[in-house]
Protein backbone atom coordinates (compact mmCIF):
# COMPACT_ATOMS: atom_id res chain seq x y z
CA MET A 1 -4.45 -8.55 6.52
CA ILE A 2 -1.54 -7.39 4.35
CA THR A 3 -1.79 -6.76 0.62
CA GLY A 4 1.35 -7.65 -1.28
CA GLY A 5 2.16 -9.79 1.74
CA ALA A 6 4.03 -12.55 -0.07
CA SER A 7 7.32 -10.68 -0.48
CA GLY A 8 9.28 -7.51 0.25
CA LEU A 9 7.90 -5.02 2.75
CA GLY A 10 4.62 -6.93 3.04
CA LEU A 11 6.43 -10.07 4.12
CA GLY A 12 8.58 -8.00 6.48
CA CYS A 13 5.38 -6.77 8.12
CA ALA A 14 3.97 -10.29 8.22
CA THR A 15 7.08 -11.55 10.02
CA HIS A 16 6.58 -9.03 12.83
CA PHE A 17 2.85 -9.73 13.11
CA ARG A 18 3.51 -13.46 13.19
CA ARG A 19 5.87 -13.10 16.15
CA LEU A 20 3.31 -10.90 17.90
CA GLY A 21 0.69 -13.66 17.63
CA TYR A 22 -1.66 -12.15 15.05
CA ASP A 23 -3.86 -14.20 12.76
CA LEU A 24 -2.51 -13.35 9.32
CA THR A 25 -4.03 -13.14 5.85
CA LEU A 26 -1.59 -12.50 3.01
CA ALA A 27 -3.42 -11.00 0.04
CA ASP A 28 -1.32 -11.27 -3.09
CA VAL A 29 -1.53 -11.83 -6.84
CA ASP A 30 1.43 -14.27 -6.86
CA ALA A 31 0.20 -17.71 -5.73
CA ALA A 32 3.65 -19.35 -5.74
CA ALA A 33 5.22 -16.55 -3.70
CA SER A 34 2.29 -16.71 -1.27
CA GLU A 35 2.85 -20.39 -0.64
CA ARG A 36 6.57 -19.82 -0.07
CA ALA A 37 5.76 -17.02 2.36
CA LEU A 38 3.33 -19.27 4.26
CA LEU A 39 6.00 -21.93 4.68
CA MET A 40 8.50 -19.35 5.94
CA LEU A 41 6.02 -17.82 8.38
CA ALA A 42 4.86 -21.21 9.63
CA ALA A 43 8.43 -21.93 10.71
CA LEU A 44 8.40 -18.87 13.00
CA PRO A 45 7.04 -18.98 16.55
CA GLY A 46 3.51 -17.62 16.80
CA PRO A 47 0.08 -18.96 17.74
CA GLY A 48 -1.90 -17.13 15.06
CA SER A 49 -3.46 -18.67 11.99
CA LEU A 50 -1.99 -18.21 8.50
CA ARG A 51 -4.01 -17.79 5.31
CA VAL A 52 -3.55 -16.69 1.73
CA GLN A 53 -6.12 -14.72 -0.25
CA ALA A 54 -5.61 -14.39 -3.99
CA VAL A 55 -6.34 -10.90 -5.29
CA ASP A 56 -5.33 -8.81 -8.27
CA LEU A 57 -5.72 -5.21 -7.14
CA SER A 58 -5.71 -3.95 -10.72
CA ASP A 59 -8.93 -5.91 -11.38
CA PRO A 60 -12.21 -4.77 -9.73
CA ALA A 61 -13.77 -8.21 -10.24
CA SER A 62 -10.87 -9.90 -8.45
CA ILE A 63 -11.18 -7.45 -5.56
CA ALA A 64 -14.91 -8.14 -5.28
CA THR A 65 -14.33 -11.90 -5.30
CA ALA A 66 -11.61 -11.66 -2.65
CA ALA A 67 -13.78 -9.46 -0.45
CA GLU A 68 -16.71 -11.87 -0.66
CA SER A 69 -14.42 -14.75 0.31
CA LEU A 70 -13.11 -12.82 3.30
CA LYS A 71 -16.57 -11.69 4.41
CA ALA A 72 -17.78 -15.29 4.21
CA ARG A 73 -15.30 -16.14 6.99
CA ALA A 74 -16.87 -13.40 9.14
CA GLN A 75 -13.54 -12.76 10.88
CA PRO A 76 -13.05 -9.12 11.94
CA ILE A 77 -10.02 -7.30 10.51
CA ASP A 78 -8.11 -5.46 13.24
CA VAL A 79 -5.32 -4.22 10.98
CA LEU A 80 -5.46 -3.72 7.21
CA VAL A 81 -2.10 -2.90 5.65
CA ASN A 82 -2.59 -1.48 2.16
CA ASN A 83 0.91 -2.25 0.93
CA ALA A 84 0.79 -3.76 -2.57
CA GLY A 85 2.26 -1.78 -5.43
CA ILE A 86 4.58 -1.80 -8.42
CA TYR A 87 7.18 0.46 -9.96
CA PRO A 88 5.58 1.73 -13.21
CA PRO A 89 6.80 0.13 -16.44
CA ALA A 90 9.00 2.05 -18.87
CA LEU A 91 6.12 2.24 -21.35
CA ARG A 92 2.71 3.27 -20.03
CA ARG A 93 0.46 0.34 -19.32
CA GLY A 94 -3.17 0.41 -18.20
CA ASN A 95 -5.41 -2.08 -16.47
CA ALA A 96 -8.56 -3.37 -18.18
CA GLU A 97 -10.30 -0.07 -17.39
CA GLY A 98 -7.45 1.92 -18.93
CA HIS A 99 -6.10 3.37 -15.67
CA GLU A 100 -2.31 3.70 -15.36
CA LEU A 101 -1.21 0.44 -13.79
CA SER A 102 0.64 1.61 -10.66
CA PHE A 103 -2.20 4.03 -9.82
CA ALA A 104 -4.80 1.33 -10.52
CA ILE A 105 -3.13 -1.10 -8.12
CA ALA A 106 -1.93 1.00 -5.20
CA HIS A 107 -4.61 3.71 -5.09
CA LEU A 108 -7.77 2.60 -6.88
CA GLY A 109 -7.29 -1.03 -5.83
CA HIS A 110 -6.83 -0.22 -2.16
CA PHE A 111 -9.69 2.27 -2.24
CA ARG A 112 -11.95 -0.48 -3.58
CA LEU A 113 -10.63 -3.15 -1.23
CA THR A 114 -10.94 -1.02 1.92
CA HIS A 115 -14.48 -0.08 0.94
CA ALA A 116 -15.41 -3.71 0.29
CA LEU A 117 -13.94 -4.86 3.62
CA TRP A 118 -15.55 -2.08 5.63
CA PRO A 119 -18.01 -4.43 7.43
CA LEU A 120 -15.08 -6.55 8.68
CA LEU A 121 -13.21 -3.45 9.84
CA GLU A 122 -16.32 -2.16 11.62
CA SER A 123 -16.79 -5.49 13.37
CA ALA A 124 -13.36 -5.20 15.01
CA ALA A 125 -13.01 -3.43 18.34
CA ALA A 126 -10.82 -0.61 16.98
CA ALA A 127 -9.51 -1.38 13.52
CA ARG A 128 -6.57 0.42 11.93
CA VAL A 129 -6.14 1.03 8.20
CA ILE A 130 -2.51 1.65 7.26
CA SER A 131 -1.65 2.99 3.81
CA ILE A 132 1.94 2.61 2.59
CA SER A 133 3.37 5.78 1.09
CA SER A 134 7.01 6.69 0.38
CA LEU A 135 9.56 9.37 1.10
CA VAL A 136 9.06 10.46 -2.54
CA GLN A 137 5.73 12.02 -1.49
CA ARG A 138 7.75 15.21 -0.87
CA GLN A 139 8.52 15.59 -4.61
CA ALA A 140 5.08 14.58 -5.85
CA HIS A 141 1.98 16.39 -6.98
CA ILE A 142 -1.47 15.27 -8.08
CA GLN A 143 -2.64 15.76 -11.66
CA LEU A 144 -6.39 15.65 -11.11
CA ASP A 145 -6.95 16.37 -14.79
CA ASP A 146 -4.72 13.46 -15.89
CA LEU A 147 -4.41 10.94 -13.07
CA ASP A 148 -3.77 8.17 -15.60
CA TRP A 149 -0.83 9.86 -17.37
CA ARG A 150 -2.40 9.67 -20.80
CA HIS A 151 -0.26 12.68 -21.74
CA ARG A 152 3.52 12.88 -21.20
CA TYR A 153 3.93 9.65 -19.24
CA VAL A 154 7.08 9.59 -17.08
CA PRO A 155 7.47 6.48 -14.87
CA ILE A 156 9.13 8.16 -11.88
CA LEU A 157 6.52 10.93 -11.86
CA ALA A 158 3.75 8.35 -12.07
CA TYR A 159 5.30 6.48 -9.13
CA ARG A 160 5.53 9.66 -7.04
CA GLN A 161 1.93 10.55 -7.77
CA THR A 162 0.75 7.07 -6.82
CA LYS A 163 2.57 7.14 -3.47
CA LEU A 164 1.21 10.63 -2.79
CA ALA A 165 -2.29 9.36 -3.64
CA CYS A 166 -1.87 6.59 -1.05
CA LEU A 167 -0.94 9.22 1.53
CA LEU A 168 -3.82 11.53 0.59
CA PHE A 169 -6.23 8.60 0.86
CA ALA A 170 -5.01 7.91 4.41
CA LEU A 171 -5.31 11.57 5.40
CA GLU A 172 -8.76 12.09 3.92
CA LEU A 173 -10.01 8.81 5.41
CA HIS A 174 -8.75 10.02 8.80
CA ARG A 175 -10.56 13.35 8.46
CA ARG A 176 -13.81 11.61 7.56
CA LEU A 177 -13.49 9.08 10.39
CA GLN A 178 -12.70 11.82 12.88
CA ALA A 179 -15.67 13.92 11.75
CA ALA A 180 -17.95 10.88 12.16
CA GLY A 181 -16.52 10.01 15.59
CA HIS A 182 -15.71 6.55 14.25
CA ARG A 183 -13.58 4.04 16.16
CA ILE A 184 -11.65 2.96 13.03
CA SER A 185 -8.33 4.79 12.65
CA SER A 186 -6.37 5.65 9.51
CA TYR A 187 -2.58 6.01 9.32
CA ALA A 188 0.11 6.27 6.68
CA ALA A 189 3.60 4.81 6.93
CA HIS A 190 6.67 4.50 4.77
CA PRO A 191 9.68 2.17 5.06
CA GLY A 192 12.46 4.56 4.09
CA VAL A 193 15.06 3.00 1.81
CA CYS A 194 14.26 -0.68 1.89
CA ARG A 195 15.48 -3.72 -0.04
CA THR A 196 12.54 -5.18 -1.97
CA GLN A 197 11.74 -6.92 -5.25
CA ILE A 198 9.85 -3.93 -6.67
CA GLY A 199 12.59 -3.38 -9.24
CA ARG A 200 12.80 -7.04 -10.26
CA ASN A 201 9.01 -7.19 -10.50
CA ARG A 202 8.75 -4.08 -12.69
CA PRO A 203 6.52 -4.96 -15.67
CA ARG A 204 8.55 -5.28 -18.87
CA SER A 205 7.55 -4.96 -22.52
CA ALA A 206 8.96 -6.32 -25.75
CA GLN A 207 8.77 -2.73 -26.99
CA ASP A 208 11.19 -1.43 -24.31
CA ASN A 209 14.26 0.06 -25.98
CA ALA A 210 17.84 -0.66 -24.93
CA TRP A 211 17.99 2.31 -22.55
CA GLN A 212 14.71 1.31 -20.90
CA ARG A 213 15.88 -2.30 -20.47
CA LEU A 214 19.12 -1.04 -18.91
CA ALA A 215 17.22 1.25 -16.54
CA THR A 216 14.98 -1.64 -15.46
CA ALA A 217 18.00 -3.88 -14.85
CA ALA A 218 19.64 -1.15 -12.78
CA LEU A 219 16.47 -0.72 -10.74
CA ALA A 220 16.24 -4.46 -10.16
CA THR A 221 19.81 -4.63 -8.90
CA GLY A 222 19.77 -1.43 -6.90
CA LEU A 223 16.46 -1.91 -5.12
CA SER A 224 17.34 -5.50 -4.24
CA HIS A 225 20.57 -4.54 -2.48
CA MET A 226 20.28 -0.96 -1.24
CA GLY A 227 18.87 0.03 2.12
CA GLN A 228 17.60 -1.75 5.17
CA SER A 229 15.92 -5.13 5.32
CA PRO A 230 12.17 -5.47 4.79
CA GLU A 231 11.79 -6.33 8.48
CA ALA A 232 13.53 -3.11 9.45
CA GLY A 233 11.47 -1.19 6.90
CA ALA A 234 8.31 -2.62 8.46
CA ARG A 235 8.93 -0.99 11.87
CA PRO A 236 6.87 2.15 11.15
CA VAL A 237 3.94 -0.05 10.11
CA ILE A 238 4.18 -2.14 13.26
CA ALA A 239 4.46 0.98 15.40
CA VAL A 240 1.17 2.44 14.14
CA ALA A 241 -0.53 -0.96 14.08
CA THR A 242 0.30 -2.08 17.60
CA THR A 243 1.00 1.00 19.76
CA ASN A 244 -0.60 4.32 20.61
CA GLU A 245 2.65 6.24 20.22
CA PHE A 246 1.35 8.20 17.23
CA PRO A 247 -2.03 9.91 16.80
CA ALA A 248 -4.39 8.72 14.10
CA GLY A 249 -3.82 10.53 10.83
CA SER A 250 -0.03 10.46 11.23
CA LEU A 251 2.55 9.64 8.58
CA VAL A 252 5.24 7.56 10.27
CA GLY A 253 8.63 6.66 8.82
CA PRO A 254 12.31 6.23 9.72
CA ARG A 255 14.14 9.03 11.50
CA TRP A 256 17.64 9.17 10.04
CA LEU A 257 19.35 10.29 6.81
CA ASN A 258 16.42 11.99 5.13
CA GLU A 259 13.98 9.31 6.34
CA SER A 260 16.09 6.45 4.98
CA PHE A 261 16.43 4.32 8.13
CA GLY A 262 16.16 4.39 11.90
CA ARG A 263 13.50 4.24 14.56
CA PRO A 264 9.93 5.24 13.62
CA VAL A 265 9.00 8.91 14.07
CA ARG A 266 6.18 11.14 12.90
CA ILE A 267 7.13 12.52 9.47
CA ALA A 268 6.30 15.99 8.20
CA LEU A 269 4.02 16.05 5.18
CA GLY A 270 5.25 17.37 1.85
CA ARG A 271 3.62 20.45 0.35
CA ALA A 272 1.06 18.57 -1.73
CA ALA A 273 -0.01 16.39 1.19
CA ARG A 274 -0.54 19.44 3.43
CA ASP A 275 -3.41 20.64 1.27
CA PRO A 276 -6.69 19.10 2.49
CA THR A 277 -8.45 20.46 -0.59
CA SER A 278 -6.33 18.18 -2.81
CA ALA A 279 -7.07 15.17 -0.61
CA ALA A 280 -10.81 15.85 -0.73
CA ALA A 281 -10.71 16.43 -4.49
CA LEU A 282 -8.82 13.17 -5.05
CA TRP A 283 -11.36 11.31 -2.90
CA THR A 284 -14.24 12.74 -4.93
CA ARG A 285 -12.51 11.91 -8.20
CA THR A 286 -11.75 8.38 -6.99
CA GLU A 287 -15.39 7.84 -6.08
CA GLU A 288 -16.28 8.90 -9.62
CA LEU A 289 -13.71 6.53 -11.15
CA THR A 290 -14.76 3.55 -9.01
CA GLY A 291 -18.48 4.27 -8.70
CA LEU A 292 -18.26 3.80 -4.93
CA ARG A 293 -19.70 5.86 -2.10
CA TRP A 294 -18.55 5.53 1.49
CA PRO A 295 -20.71 5.53 4.63
CA LEU A 296 -18.72 8.51 5.95
């Protein structure tokens, strides 16, 4: 199962999994893009089944509905790729709960979804949960006292924090699984510099000023044309999903040019990610924000 699987890196991952014969569920908020992705994947060789699951990761009710639909199928999940995300809008935007939108989707949403799908992960022989981070985790830090950027909102800083939060979730989940002797494994991966639609899909506002509109247009153009293909960017994900080359708890990304491209290798953690106290504190705070408790 791949969140944000209808386009970009998610679809790049799906293409690999399709060729490897996996049953695939693309979980995405964009119904039209999901149908286009299904048609493209169906044209590729592969014996696995193909499904779409509608989900809006910014909306707890949508996550709950999607999880119930998936659990009704009673099909174990061997690999869960927590990939979906956005580049934060120029002007701060919150979800219905008031949480900063990129954080609500990529961290809180995946925390909720993974928790809700836990029975399906446990029913697999040895499930793997893969959280998508970014090379920007090296420049990021966590503001535990203002995770939602209600003060001094800066989009790039919000994006860095969100991708660091995804990494910290993977690391803390690994520590908890390891302590429990659980057969589920947690990994983090990042695609390097990868051509995606994250810039084109950046939420816009009628209140954006001329400079903000220009910056969004530049992002849309740059991120659509710079870097490697989504299929190439997906290689670290496929490596941790389908091989035992890397130990659980690893962050895996491309080798060359400051982690921009190349074969998958184990990546050193940035300073903020090396602090297990921060990961544990974020986990506790996330449980408070979501009202969830884990069986770990």
